[in-house]
Amino acid sequence: MFDILIEGGEVIDGSGAPRRKADVAIRGGRVVAIGDVAGTARETIDASGRAVCPGFVDIHTHYDAQIFWDRKLSISPWHGVTTCVIGNCGFGIAPTRPECRRLILRTLEKVEGMSLAALEQGLGAEWPFVSFPDYLDAIERRGAAINVAAFVGHTPTRLAVMGEDAVKREATKDEIAAMVRIVREAMDAGAIGFATSQALTHNAFDGHPVPSRKAAFAEIEALAAAMAAGGHGVMQATVGPTLFLDQLETLARANAIPITWTALFAGIAGKGSHRPLLARTHAERDEGLGIKPQVTCRPLNFDFDFLEPFPFESRPLFAPTLKADRRGKEAIYRDAAFRAAFRDDMGAGTRNAFTRWYERTVVSFAPGDAGLEERRVDELAAECGKDPIDFVLDLALASDFKARFRMAALNYDEEDVAELLLDDSIVVALSDAGAHASQLCDACYATHLLGHWVREKGTLGLERAVEMLTRVPADLFGLADRGRLAEGLPADIVVFDPKTVGAGKLRRVHDLPAGADRLVSDAHGIDAVLCNGVVIRRHGRDATEGLPGRLLRGAA
């Protein structure tokens, strides 16, 4: 007698091996037989014409706060994710002393596009943790629908030691020593690793950089060594001018640690600009350094308004907007000199990620004029006889900043993206699930990979795509019992139809605390999702109120 028997499907086990027709039997939360299985079960799933594979492992999410009001971690399980890693980019909500809670929430509001009202209402007045071990214990007590592993983040660690000074200056030796103790304590408690960021796009409250951006490299070296001291852990870095391949190689050599960096995009400096970085990655691999860039299989789209112009905030021109209130922004955007500088900074002949951005941007919301929606900005501007910069800023101001725009910022050249996906030195990631909720939705990356890049484009074989979603990220993070479908392993399983699997169009819902909005994408072709032997999704609906996910502590 089995708990569940999945019959008649084609098993793709995550190893890259060819698919094979087989039944899968589950008992006690684990796979106990794969093949021509004889026996009965309490529940049988007919997988005829379906693929049966390991649950997907999403290593780049930001559910750190959301897990306290949404233990189902929607929308990741909709798209077959059964294991996620939180705390990326060095952001998180632990450790956090009570007097620093407002600072950490305002940081998340700015850098991760999270609604402050949603964060405050969702977390409540009394947080059930202070230290990072407390945080892990709170997650474990409350439970989750899928498995969760957590980075200890540089930003909350810095805030816990330095308070508001964390966004203003480098740390002293004593402060670095205190941070080292926090990281060691977190690793001993079960953190999956240490994460940090030096990205110029990452800004905190009141126009300050996020705390990790004020850290000297010596501080990062000390914290990476603290992570490595326990003999396990992976470092995640969101790179910037002061933390890139030279520095990552130094850290990898000194500590013998795996490092994954965010992110290797197509088009960041023009067509083909990813190739030198891939070549450097190959050289690192040949040297034996475990450095893997994260690559996304979707265009990096941002849905934004000009009250929070996140895509442009890395450009020096927009620095004054970070500190300006609504009236200040209005004055900046009306200024003819600013508009001229905006044109010069991103127009024809410039070489940056936003060159001629208005040619790949649509109006996503135009209050009172739905006829503008889903139409390209440059075409609308031409119809009005306006320059594109004048058109978008006029529309933003006329709508009291309610007009929204959706821009394909990076990864929109599919030839270049295909080159990245076909390279075996990368890891597919960057869903950013839980962050930028009103601006983007890439939590659907797994079904997009299977639908677009396997079925529609034929760029990847199905077995290789499944391996990229399962074994590759699990191995990188030391999750030895996840990412594979084999006898004796936990039954994290996805049953899907290769003929129809895919990600639906984005739609906006208002289901976050305080009525805050977010973008979601429905999954197509997913028959069933199981986590630790429990069916959590069935034909697009939650199948249980249970929470079978586990907190994955350390390399366990």
Protein backbone atom coordinates (compact mmCIF):
# COMPACT_ATOMS: atom_id res chain seq x y z
CA MET A 1 0.00 0.00 0.00
CA PHE A 2 1.37 3.38 -1.06
CA ASP A 3 0.23 6.85 -0.10
CA ILE A 4 0.31 8.08 -3.72
CA LEU A 5 0.94 6.31 -7.02
CA ILE A 6 1.72 8.40 -10.10
CA GLU A 7 0.96 6.10 -13.04
CA GLY A 8 1.88 6.04 -16.71
CA GLY A 9 4.00 9.17 -16.98
CA GLU A 10 7.39 9.80 -18.52
CA VAL A 11 9.91 10.22 -15.71
CA ILE A 12 12.55 12.93 -16.22
CA ASP A 13 14.67 12.46 -13.12
CA GLY A 14 16.67 15.72 -13.18
CA SER A 15 20.02 14.09 -13.94
CA GLY A 16 19.87 14.91 -17.64
CA ALA A 17 19.25 11.25 -18.51
CA PRO A 18 16.67 10.43 -21.20
CA ARG A 19 13.05 10.26 -20.08
CA ARG A 20 11.54 6.83 -19.47
CA LYS A 21 8.03 5.61 -18.96
CA ALA A 22 7.59 4.62 -15.33
CA ASP A 23 5.28 4.75 -12.36
CA VAL A 24 6.33 6.58 -9.19
CA ALA A 25 5.25 5.28 -5.78
CA ILE A 26 5.32 7.45 -2.66
CA ARG A 27 5.10 6.46 0.99
CA GLY A 28 5.87 8.48 4.10
CA GLY A 29 6.81 11.55 2.09
CA ARG A 30 9.49 9.77 0.06
CA VAL A 31 9.78 8.06 -3.29
CA VAL A 32 9.89 4.31 -2.61
CA ALA A 33 9.68 2.89 -6.13
CA ILE A 34 10.15 4.00 -9.73
CA GLY A 35 9.35 1.64 -12.59
CA ASP A 36 6.59 -0.86 -13.26
CA VAL A 37 5.08 -0.59 -9.81
CA ALA A 38 2.64 -3.20 -8.50
CA GLY A 39 0.43 -2.30 -5.60
CA THR A 40 -2.43 -0.07 -4.51
CA ALA A 41 -2.47 3.47 -3.22
CA ARG A 42 -4.69 5.80 -1.23
CA GLU A 43 -4.47 8.26 -4.12
CA THR A 44 -3.62 7.63 -7.76
CA ILE A 45 -2.56 10.30 -10.25
CA ASP A 46 -2.96 9.44 -13.91
CA ALA A 47 0.12 10.88 -15.64
CA SER A 48 -0.52 9.46 -19.10
CA GLY A 49 0.98 11.80 -21.69
CA ARG A 50 2.61 13.83 -18.92
CA ALA A 51 6.16 14.42 -17.74
CA VAL A 52 6.97 13.57 -14.11
CA CYS A 53 10.01 15.36 -12.74
CA PRO A 54 11.57 16.71 -9.52
CA GLY A 55 10.13 19.87 -8.02
CA PHE A 56 11.85 23.02 -9.23
CA VAL A 57 14.47 24.74 -7.04
CA ASP A 58 14.27 28.55 -7.09
CA ILE A 59 17.47 29.95 -5.60
CA HIS A 60 16.66 33.67 -5.94
CA THR A 61 13.55 34.80 -4.06
CA HIS A 62 12.62 37.50 -1.56
CA TYR A 63 9.84 35.88 0.48
CA ASP A 64 11.58 36.88 3.73
CA ALA A 65 8.63 38.94 4.96
CA GLN A 66 5.81 37.45 2.85
CA ILE A 67 6.27 34.04 4.46
CA PHE A 68 4.79 35.49 7.66
CA TRP A 69 1.43 36.29 6.06
CA ASP A 70 1.43 33.92 3.06
CA ARG A 71 2.74 30.55 4.12
CA LYS A 72 1.82 29.11 0.71
CA LEU A 73 4.43 31.42 -0.83
CA SER A 74 2.27 32.17 -3.81
CA ILE A 75 2.87 32.22 -6.68
CA SER A 76 5.94 29.96 -6.78
CA PRO A 77 4.17 26.61 -6.21
CA TRP A 78 1.73 27.46 -9.02
CA HIS A 79 4.68 27.09 -11.39
CA GLY A 80 6.15 23.91 -9.90
CA VAL A 81 8.62 25.36 -7.39
CA THR A 82 8.95 23.12 -4.33
CA THR A 83 12.13 24.62 -2.81
CA CYS A 84 13.04 28.31 -2.58
CA VAL A 85 15.94 30.29 -1.15
CA ILE A 86 15.18 33.61 0.56
CA GLY A 87 17.46 36.42 1.73
CA ASN A 88 19.08 37.12 -1.65
CA CYS A 89 21.04 40.30 -2.41
CA GLY A 90 21.83 40.59 1.28
CA PHE A 91 18.28 41.73 2.11
CA GLY A 92 16.02 40.24 4.75
CA ILE A 93 14.33 41.01 8.02
CA ALA A 94 16.65 39.22 10.47
CA PRO A 95 18.52 39.91 12.58
CA THR A 96 16.50 43.00 13.47
CA ARG A 97 16.40 44.73 16.84
CA PRO A 98 12.95 46.28 17.60
CA GLU A 99 14.31 49.81 17.23
CA CYS A 100 15.58 48.97 13.71
CA ARG A 101 12.37 47.47 12.35
CA ARG A 102 11.22 50.67 10.72
CA LEU A 103 14.62 51.10 9.05
CA ILE A 104 14.59 47.59 7.57
CA LEU A 105 11.02 47.96 6.30
CA ARG A 106 11.77 51.31 4.68
CA THR A 107 14.82 49.72 3.07
CA LEU A 108 12.73 46.88 1.64
CA GLU A 109 10.11 49.37 0.49
CA LYS A 110 12.70 51.20 -1.56
CA VAL A 111 15.13 48.56 -2.78
CA GLU A 112 12.68 45.70 -3.36
CA GLY A 113 9.62 47.68 -4.34
CA MET A 114 7.57 46.32 -1.43
CA SER A 115 4.56 48.18 -0.10
CA LEU A 116 5.38 49.65 3.31
CA ALA A 117 1.73 49.37 4.35
CA ALA A 118 1.67 45.71 3.32
CA LEU A 119 4.89 45.00 5.22
CA GLU A 120 3.66 46.74 8.38
CA GLN A 121 0.27 45.06 8.36
CA GLY A 122 1.58 41.67 7.30
CA LEU A 123 4.31 41.49 9.94
CA GLY A 124 2.32 43.18 12.67
CA ALA A 125 3.56 45.14 15.64
CA GLU A 126 5.22 42.23 17.46
CA TRP A 127 7.72 40.27 15.39
CA PRO A 128 8.36 36.72 16.68
CA PHE A 129 12.15 37.03 16.34
CA VAL A 130 15.15 39.28 16.92
CA SER A 131 18.18 37.17 16.03
CA PHE A 132 18.65 35.13 12.86
CA PRO A 133 18.32 31.80 14.74
CA ASP A 134 15.03 33.16 16.18
CA TYR A 135 13.92 33.93 12.62
CA LEU A 136 14.61 30.41 11.38
CA ASP A 137 12.80 28.96 14.39
CA ALA A 138 9.78 31.20 13.71
CA ILE A 139 9.58 30.02 10.09
CA GLU A 140 9.86 26.40 11.18
CA ARG A 141 7.14 26.77 13.81
CA ARG A 142 4.72 28.41 11.41
CA GLY A 143 5.41 26.11 8.47
CA ALA A 144 5.22 26.65 4.72
CA ALA A 145 3.74 24.95 1.70
CA ILE A 146 7.18 24.42 0.13
CA ASN A 147 10.73 23.96 1.37
CA VAL A 148 12.63 27.09 2.40
CA ALA A 149 16.32 27.81 2.87
CA ALA A 150 17.60 31.22 3.97
CA PHE A 151 20.68 33.37 3.50
CA VAL A 152 21.87 35.55 6.34
CA GLY A 153 21.88 38.99 4.75
CA HIS A 154 24.54 41.67 4.91
CA THR A 155 22.07 44.57 5.11
CA PRO A 156 20.12 43.45 8.23
CA THR A 157 23.37 42.29 9.82
CA ARG A 158 24.90 45.73 9.32
CA LEU A 159 21.77 47.48 10.61
CA ALA A 160 21.71 45.24 13.68
CA VAL A 161 25.27 46.28 14.57
CA MET A 162 25.45 49.88 13.33
CA GLY A 163 21.88 51.17 13.35
CA GLU A 164 21.27 54.11 11.01
CA ASP A 165 25.02 54.59 10.62
CA ALA A 166 24.97 51.45 8.45
CA VAL A 167 23.93 53.54 5.43
CA LYS A 168 26.49 56.28 6.09
CA ARG A 169 29.98 54.89 6.67
CA GLU A 170 32.38 51.98 6.75
CA ALA A 171 32.41 49.77 9.82
CA THR A 172 35.05 49.81 12.54
CA LYS A 173 37.06 46.70 13.43
CA ASP A 174 34.86 46.09 16.46
CA GLU A 175 31.72 46.43 14.36
CA ILE A 176 33.05 43.99 11.78
CA ALA A 177 33.86 41.56 14.59
CA ALA A 178 30.26 41.85 15.82
CA MET A 179 28.98 41.15 12.30
CA VAL A 180 31.26 38.11 12.05
CA ARG A 181 29.69 36.74 15.23
CA ILE A 182 26.20 37.23 13.76
CA VAL A 183 27.13 35.40 10.55
CA ARG A 184 28.74 32.53 12.47
CA GLU A 185 25.69 32.26 14.72
CA ALA A 186 23.42 32.23 11.67
CA MET A 187 25.44 29.53 9.91
CA ASP A 188 25.45 27.38 13.03
CA ALA A 189 21.66 27.77 13.22
CA GLY A 190 21.19 26.66 9.61
CA ALA A 191 21.62 29.57 7.21
CA ILE A 192 22.27 28.30 3.69
CA GLY A 193 24.96 30.94 3.21
CA PHE A 194 25.74 34.65 3.20
CA ALA A 195 24.43 37.22 0.69
CA THR A 196 25.45 40.78 -0.09
CA SER A 197 25.05 43.52 -2.70
CA GLN A 198 27.12 46.33 -4.16
CA ALA A 199 24.69 47.05 -7.02
CA LEU A 200 24.26 50.73 -7.85
CA THR A 201 20.52 50.17 -8.31
CA HIS A 202 20.15 49.15 -4.66
CA ASN A 203 19.12 52.17 -2.61
CA ALA A 204 17.61 52.38 0.86
CA PHE A 205 15.55 55.02 2.65
CA ASP A 206 16.00 58.78 2.10
CA GLY A 207 18.24 58.30 -0.92
CA HIS A 208 20.95 56.45 1.00
CA PRO A 209 22.60 53.37 -0.49
CA VAL A 210 21.61 50.06 1.10
CA PRO A 211 23.88 49.29 4.08
CA SER A 212 25.93 46.62 2.30
CA ARG A 213 27.03 49.19 -0.30
CA LYS A 214 28.88 51.15 2.41
CA ALA A 215 31.00 48.12 3.30
CA ALA A 216 34.69 48.07 2.43
CA PHE A 217 35.92 44.93 0.70
CA ALA A 218 37.75 43.92 3.89
CA GLU A 219 34.37 43.70 5.63
CA ILE A 220 32.98 41.44 2.90
CA GLU A 221 36.12 39.29 3.12
CA ALA A 222 35.62 38.88 6.87
CA LEU A 223 31.97 37.91 6.52
CA ALA A 224 32.61 35.46 3.66
CA ALA A 225 35.31 33.82 5.81
CA ALA A 226 32.88 33.66 8.73
CA MET A 227 30.38 31.87 6.50
CA ALA A 228 33.00 29.41 5.26
CA ALA A 229 34.36 28.62 8.72
CA GLY A 230 31.68 26.03 9.39
CA GLY A 231 32.61 24.01 6.32
CA HIS A 232 29.45 24.66 4.30
CA GLY A 233 27.49 27.47 2.70
CA VAL A 234 27.22 29.36 -0.57
CA MET A 235 27.77 33.08 -1.06
CA GLN A 236 25.41 35.11 -3.24
CA ALA A 237 26.51 38.52 -4.47
CA THR A 238 24.65 41.13 -6.44
CA VAL A 239 27.55 42.72 -8.20
CA GLY A 240 28.61 46.31 -8.73
CA PRO A 241 31.72 48.33 -9.58
CA THR A 242 33.43 47.45 -6.28
CA LEU A 243 32.37 43.79 -6.15
CA PHE A 244 32.72 41.93 -9.40
CA LEU A 245 34.75 39.10 -10.90
CA ASP A 246 38.17 40.14 -9.56
CA GLN A 247 36.82 40.38 -6.02
CA LEU A 248 34.68 37.23 -6.31
CA GLU A 249 37.71 35.26 -7.49
CA THR A 250 39.67 36.53 -4.48
CA LEU A 251 36.91 35.37 -2.13
CA ALA A 252 36.54 31.98 -3.84
CA ARG A 253 40.29 31.29 -3.72
CA ALA A 254 40.69 32.39 -0.11
CA ASN A 255 37.73 30.44 1.27
CA ALA A 256 37.14 27.56 -1.19
CA ILE A 257 33.45 28.48 -1.33
CA PRO A 258 30.87 28.35 -4.10
CA ILE A 259 29.71 31.80 -5.19
CA THR A 260 26.75 32.70 -7.37
CA TRP A 261 26.39 36.23 -8.67
CA THR A 262 23.44 38.24 -9.90
CA ALA A 263 23.10 38.58 -12.76
CA LEU A 264 24.53 37.93 -16.21
CA PHE A 265 22.10 39.64 -18.58
CA ALA A 266 22.01 39.85 -22.34
CA GLY A 267 22.29 43.40 -23.63
CA ILE A 268 23.69 45.15 -20.59
CA ALA A 269 26.23 46.94 -22.81
CA GLY A 270 24.91 46.13 -26.25
CA LYS A 271 24.54 42.98 -28.33
CA GLY A 272 27.08 40.29 -27.51
CA SER A 273 28.26 42.04 -24.36
CA HIS A 274 27.72 38.85 -22.35
CA ARG A 275 30.43 36.92 -24.22
CA PRO A 276 33.51 38.29 -22.41
CA LEU A 277 31.82 37.52 -19.10
CA LEU A 278 31.07 33.96 -20.20
CA ALA A 279 34.69 33.54 -21.27
CA ARG A 280 35.84 34.73 -17.84
CA THR A 281 33.40 32.29 -16.22
CA HIS A 282 34.87 29.42 -18.24
CA ALA A 283 38.36 30.39 -17.09
CA GLU A 284 37.19 30.40 -13.46
CA ARG A 285 35.66 26.96 -13.91
CA ASP A 286 38.86 25.64 -15.48
CA GLU A 287 40.78 26.92 -12.45
CA GLY A 288 38.40 25.01 -10.19
CA LEU A 289 36.63 28.06 -8.76
CA GLY A 290 32.95 27.44 -8.02
CA ILE A 291 31.66 30.75 -9.39
CA LYS A 292 28.37 30.60 -11.29
CA PRO A 293 26.53 33.58 -12.78
CA GLN A 294 22.76 33.63 -12.49
CA VAL A 295 20.91 33.93 -15.80
CA THR A 296 17.22 34.60 -16.33
CA CYS A 297 15.27 33.03 -19.17
CA ARG A 298 12.80 35.93 -19.36
CA PRO A 299 13.13 39.53 -20.49
CA LEU A 300 13.74 41.69 -17.45
CA ASN A 301 10.54 43.75 -17.55
CA PHE A 302 9.82 46.53 -15.10
CA ASP A 303 6.36 47.98 -14.61
CA PHE A 304 6.90 51.38 -13.01
CA ASP A 305 5.66 54.90 -12.53
CA PHE A 306 7.73 58.06 -12.28
CA LEU A 307 7.02 58.50 -8.60
CA GLU A 308 9.25 55.44 -8.11
CA PRO A 309 11.29 55.24 -11.34
CA PHE A 310 13.22 52.16 -10.20
CA PRO A 311 14.76 51.19 -13.55
CA PHE A 312 16.53 54.53 -13.88
CA GLU A 313 17.71 55.00 -10.31
CA SER A 314 21.20 53.70 -11.06
CA ARG A 315 21.78 56.62 -13.46
CA PRO A 316 23.46 59.67 -11.84
CA LEU A 317 20.90 61.91 -13.54
CA PHE A 318 18.16 60.47 -11.30
CA ALA A 319 20.05 60.87 -8.02
CA PRO A 320 18.04 63.99 -7.02
CA THR A 321 14.76 62.08 -7.42
CA LEU A 322 15.80 59.62 -4.72
CA LYS A 323 15.64 62.35 -2.08
CA ALA A 324 12.78 64.38 -3.53
CA ASP A 325 9.18 64.18 -2.33
CA ARG A 326 6.24 64.24 -4.72
CA ARG A 327 6.41 68.00 -5.29
CA GLY A 328 10.16 67.82 -5.71
CA LYS A 329 9.79 65.15 -8.36
CA GLU A 330 7.17 67.22 -10.17
CA ALA A 331 9.59 70.13 -10.34
CA ILE A 332 12.42 67.92 -11.59
CA TYR A 333 10.30 66.35 -14.32
CA ARG A 334 8.97 69.71 -15.53
CA ASP A 335 12.45 71.18 -15.82
CA ALA A 336 13.55 71.53 -19.45
CA ALA A 337 17.20 71.00 -18.52
CA PHE A 338 16.40 67.69 -16.84
CA ARG A 339 14.43 66.55 -19.89
CA ALA A 340 17.29 67.45 -22.19
CA ALA A 341 19.75 65.57 -19.97
CA PHE A 342 17.37 62.58 -19.90
CA ARG A 343 17.38 62.54 -23.72
CA ASP A 344 21.16 62.86 -23.90
CA ASP A 345 21.75 60.13 -21.29
CA MET A 346 19.70 57.44 -23.01
CA GLY A 347 19.20 58.51 -26.61
CA ALA A 348 20.69 57.35 -29.90
CA GLY A 349 24.44 56.90 -29.74
CA THR A 350 24.63 56.27 -25.98
CA ARG A 351 25.87 52.95 -24.67
CA ASN A 352 24.12 51.82 -21.54
CA ALA A 353 21.35 49.39 -20.63
CA PHE A 354 18.67 52.05 -21.22
CA THR A 355 19.71 53.28 -24.65
CA ARG A 356 16.52 54.17 -26.57
CA TRP A 357 14.47 52.49 -23.83
CA TYR A 358 11.23 54.04 -25.10
CA GLU A 359 11.36 51.78 -28.19
CA ARG A 360 10.80 48.72 -25.97
CA THR A 361 8.42 50.31 -23.47
CA VAL A 362 4.63 50.28 -23.49
CA VAL A 363 2.09 52.23 -21.46
CA SER A 364 0.73 49.59 -19.09
CA PHE A 365 -1.84 51.82 -17.38
CA ALA A 366 -3.26 55.15 -18.49
CA PRO A 367 -6.05 56.37 -16.20
CA GLY A 368 -8.91 57.73 -18.25
CA ASP A 369 -7.43 56.67 -21.59
CA ALA A 370 -7.32 52.90 -21.99
CA GLY A 371 -6.59 53.36 -25.68
CA LEU A 372 -2.99 54.16 -24.81
CA GLU A 373 -2.45 50.92 -22.93
CA GLU A 374 -0.15 48.19 -24.30
CA ARG A 375 1.08 50.55 -27.03
CA ARG A 376 4.73 51.50 -27.53
CA VAL A 377 5.85 54.82 -26.10
CA ASP A 378 7.78 55.93 -29.19
CA GLU A 379 4.79 55.29 -31.46
CA LEU A 380 2.40 57.17 -29.16
CA ALA A 381 4.85 60.07 -28.93
CA ALA A 382 5.11 60.27 -32.72
CA GLU A 383 1.31 60.41 -33.03
CA CYS A 384 1.29 63.36 -30.62
CA GLY A 385 4.18 65.09 -32.34
CA LYS A 386 6.25 64.87 -29.17
CA ASP A 387 9.66 63.64 -28.23
CA PRO A 388 9.31 60.32 -26.28
CA ILE A 389 10.83 61.82 -23.13
CA ASP A 390 8.37 64.71 -23.17
CA PHE A 391 5.50 62.29 -23.84
CA VAL A 392 6.17 60.00 -20.87
CA LEU A 393 6.88 62.81 -18.41
CA ASP A 394 3.83 64.79 -19.55
CA LEU A 395 1.66 61.68 -19.14
CA ALA A 396 3.13 60.97 -15.72
CA LEU A 397 2.51 64.51 -14.51
CA ALA A 398 -0.98 64.80 -16.05
CA SER A 399 -2.05 61.56 -14.34
CA ASP A 400 -0.65 62.61 -10.94
CA PHE A 401 1.93 59.83 -11.32
CA LYS A 402 -0.74 57.15 -11.76
CA ALA A 403 0.32 56.32 -15.34
CA ARG A 404 2.50 53.23 -15.48
CA PHE A 405 5.01 52.01 -18.04
CA ARG A 406 6.42 48.53 -18.72
CA MET A 407 9.95 48.41 -20.05
CA ALA A 408 12.01 45.47 -21.28
CA ALA A 409 15.18 46.66 -19.59
CA LEU A 410 17.46 43.71 -20.36
CA ASN A 411 17.43 40.19 -21.82
CA TYR A 412 15.16 41.10 -24.70
CA ASP A 413 17.50 39.92 -27.49
CA GLU A 414 16.57 36.24 -27.77
CA GLU A 415 19.67 35.27 -29.78
CA ASP A 416 21.87 36.48 -26.94
CA VAL A 417 19.63 34.91 -24.28
CA ALA A 418 19.81 31.57 -26.12
CA GLU A 419 23.63 31.71 -25.98
CA LEU A 420 23.45 32.19 -22.22
CA LEU A 421 20.97 29.35 -21.68
CA LEU A 422 23.03 26.92 -23.75
CA ASP A 423 26.17 27.54 -21.70
CA ASP A 424 26.71 24.90 -19.00
CA SER A 425 28.56 27.28 -16.67
CA ILE A 426 25.45 29.26 -15.67
CA VAL A 427 22.54 28.66 -13.32
CA VAL A 428 18.98 29.68 -14.21
CA ALA A 429 17.58 31.92 -11.50
CA LEU A 430 16.46 35.49 -10.71
CA SER A 431 12.75 34.98 -10.23
CA ASP A 432 12.86 37.74 -7.55
CA ALA A 433 9.63 36.19 -6.23
CA GLY A 434 8.23 38.28 -3.39
CA ALA A 435 9.98 41.48 -4.48
CA HIS A 436 9.04 44.27 -6.90
CA ALA A 437 5.54 42.85 -6.67
CA SER A 438 3.84 45.75 -8.43
CA GLN A 439 6.67 46.13 -10.97
CA LEU A 440 7.42 42.66 -12.32
CA CYS A 441 6.56 38.99 -12.01
CA ASP A 442 9.21 36.42 -12.91
CA ALA A 443 8.19 33.77 -10.39
CA CYS A 444 6.82 32.02 -13.49
CA TYR A 445 10.31 31.53 -14.97
CA ALA A 446 10.19 27.71 -14.79
CA THR A 447 7.03 27.29 -16.85
CA HIS A 448 8.29 29.98 -19.23
CA LEU A 449 11.52 28.03 -19.76
CA LEU A 450 9.60 24.81 -20.48
CA GLY A 451 7.00 26.45 -22.69
CA HIS A 452 8.97 29.08 -24.58
CA TRP A 453 12.56 27.81 -24.77
CA VAL A 454 11.77 24.08 -25.04
CA ARG A 455 8.48 23.71 -26.88
CA GLU A 456 8.19 26.94 -28.90
CA LYS A 457 11.81 27.75 -29.69
CA GLY A 458 13.40 24.29 -29.48
CA THR A 459 16.52 25.86 -27.98
CA LEU A 460 16.71 23.36 -25.13
CA GLY A 461 15.76 19.71 -24.87
CA LEU A 462 13.18 18.87 -22.22
CA GLU A 463 15.58 16.77 -20.16
CA ARG A 464 18.20 19.52 -20.11
CA ALA A 465 15.65 22.19 -19.15
CA VAL A 466 14.40 20.08 -16.25
CA GLU A 467 17.99 19.50 -15.11
CA MET A 468 18.58 23.28 -15.18
CA LEU A 469 15.53 23.81 -12.96
CA THR A 470 16.33 21.02 -10.49
CA ARG A 471 19.71 19.32 -10.16
CA VAL A 472 21.91 22.26 -11.15
CA PRO A 473 20.64 24.74 -8.50
CA ALA A 474 20.30 22.01 -5.87
CA ASP A 475 23.91 20.91 -6.35
CA LEU A 476 25.19 24.49 -6.26
CA PHE A 477 23.51 25.04 -2.89
CA GLY A 478 24.48 21.69 -1.39
CA LEU A 479 20.87 20.45 -1.26
CA ALA A 480 21.82 16.82 -1.72
CA ASP A 481 18.32 15.41 -1.29
CA ARG A 482 16.51 17.86 -3.58
CA GLY A 483 16.50 18.40 -7.32
CA ARG A 484 16.35 14.70 -8.24
CA LEU A 485 13.64 12.10 -8.63
CA ALA A 486 15.06 8.89 -7.19
CA GLU A 487 14.11 6.14 -4.77
CA GLY A 488 14.72 7.15 -1.16
CA LEU A 489 14.59 10.91 -1.77
CA PRO A 490 11.83 13.27 -0.63
CA ALA A 491 8.87 13.29 -3.00
CA ASP A 492 9.08 16.82 -4.37
CA ILE A 493 7.46 16.25 -7.77
CA VAL A 494 5.87 18.13 -10.66
CA VAL A 495 3.51 16.48 -13.16
CA PHE A 496 3.11 18.59 -16.29
CA ASP A 497 1.99 18.43 -19.90
CA PRO A 498 4.91 19.26 -22.24
CA LYS A 499 2.41 20.18 -24.97
CA THR A 500 0.75 22.97 -22.98
CA VAL A 501 3.07 23.99 -20.12
CA GLY A 502 3.76 27.70 -19.98
CA ALA A 503 3.34 30.97 -18.11
CA GLY A 504 0.18 33.01 -18.51
CA LYS A 505 -0.02 36.73 -19.17
CA LEU A 506 0.62 39.05 -16.26
CA ARG A 507 -2.41 40.32 -14.38
CA ARG A 508 -2.64 42.75 -11.48
CA VAL A 509 -4.36 41.70 -8.25
CA HIS A 510 -4.81 43.45 -4.90
CA ASP A 511 -4.36 40.57 -2.46
CA LEU A 512 -1.43 41.72 -0.34
CA PRO A 513 -1.97 43.06 3.20
CA ALA A 514 -3.49 46.55 3.29
CA GLY A 515 -4.90 45.91 -0.19
CA ALA A 516 -1.53 46.42 -1.87
CA ASP A 517 -1.26 45.25 -5.45
CA ARG A 518 1.04 42.83 -7.23
CA LEU A 519 1.48 41.25 -10.63
CA VAL A 520 0.87 37.51 -10.98
CA SER A 521 1.02 34.97 -13.78
CA ASP A 522 -1.09 31.82 -13.92
CA ALA A 523 0.56 28.51 -14.81
CA HIS A 524 -0.61 26.43 -17.76
CA GLY A 525 -0.15 22.69 -18.14
CA ILE A 526 0.74 21.89 -14.52
CA ASP A 527 -1.33 18.89 -13.45
CA ALA A 528 0.06 18.38 -9.96
CA VAL A 529 2.74 19.67 -7.58
CA LEU A 530 3.85 17.59 -4.60
CA CYS A 531 6.07 18.67 -1.73
CA ASN A 532 7.43 16.00 0.61
CA GLY A 533 4.83 13.55 -0.64
CA VAL A 534 1.81 15.85 -0.20
CA VAL A 535 -0.15 17.16 -3.20
CA ILE A 536 -0.16 20.95 -2.76
CA ARG A 537 -1.50 21.97 -6.22
CA ARG A 538 -3.84 20.10 -8.54
CA HIS A 539 -5.02 21.46 -11.90
CA GLY A 540 -4.34 25.07 -10.94
CA ARG A 541 -5.86 25.00 -7.47
CA ASP A 542 -4.50 24.53 -3.97
CA ALA A 543 -5.06 20.90 -3.04
CA THR A 544 -4.49 21.06 0.69
CA GLU A 545 -4.54 23.47 3.59
CA GLY A 546 -1.55 21.61 4.99
CA LEU A 547 1.97 23.00 5.02
CA PRO A 548 4.30 20.11 4.15
CA GLY A 549 7.34 22.23 3.31
CA ARG A 550 10.42 22.01 5.48
CA LEU A 551 12.99 24.51 6.62
CA LEU A 552 16.22 23.30 5.02
CA ARG A 553 18.90 24.18 7.52
CA GLY A 554 22.40 24.51 6.19
CA ALA A 555 23.47 21.70 3.90
CA ALA A 556 20.86 19.32 5.34
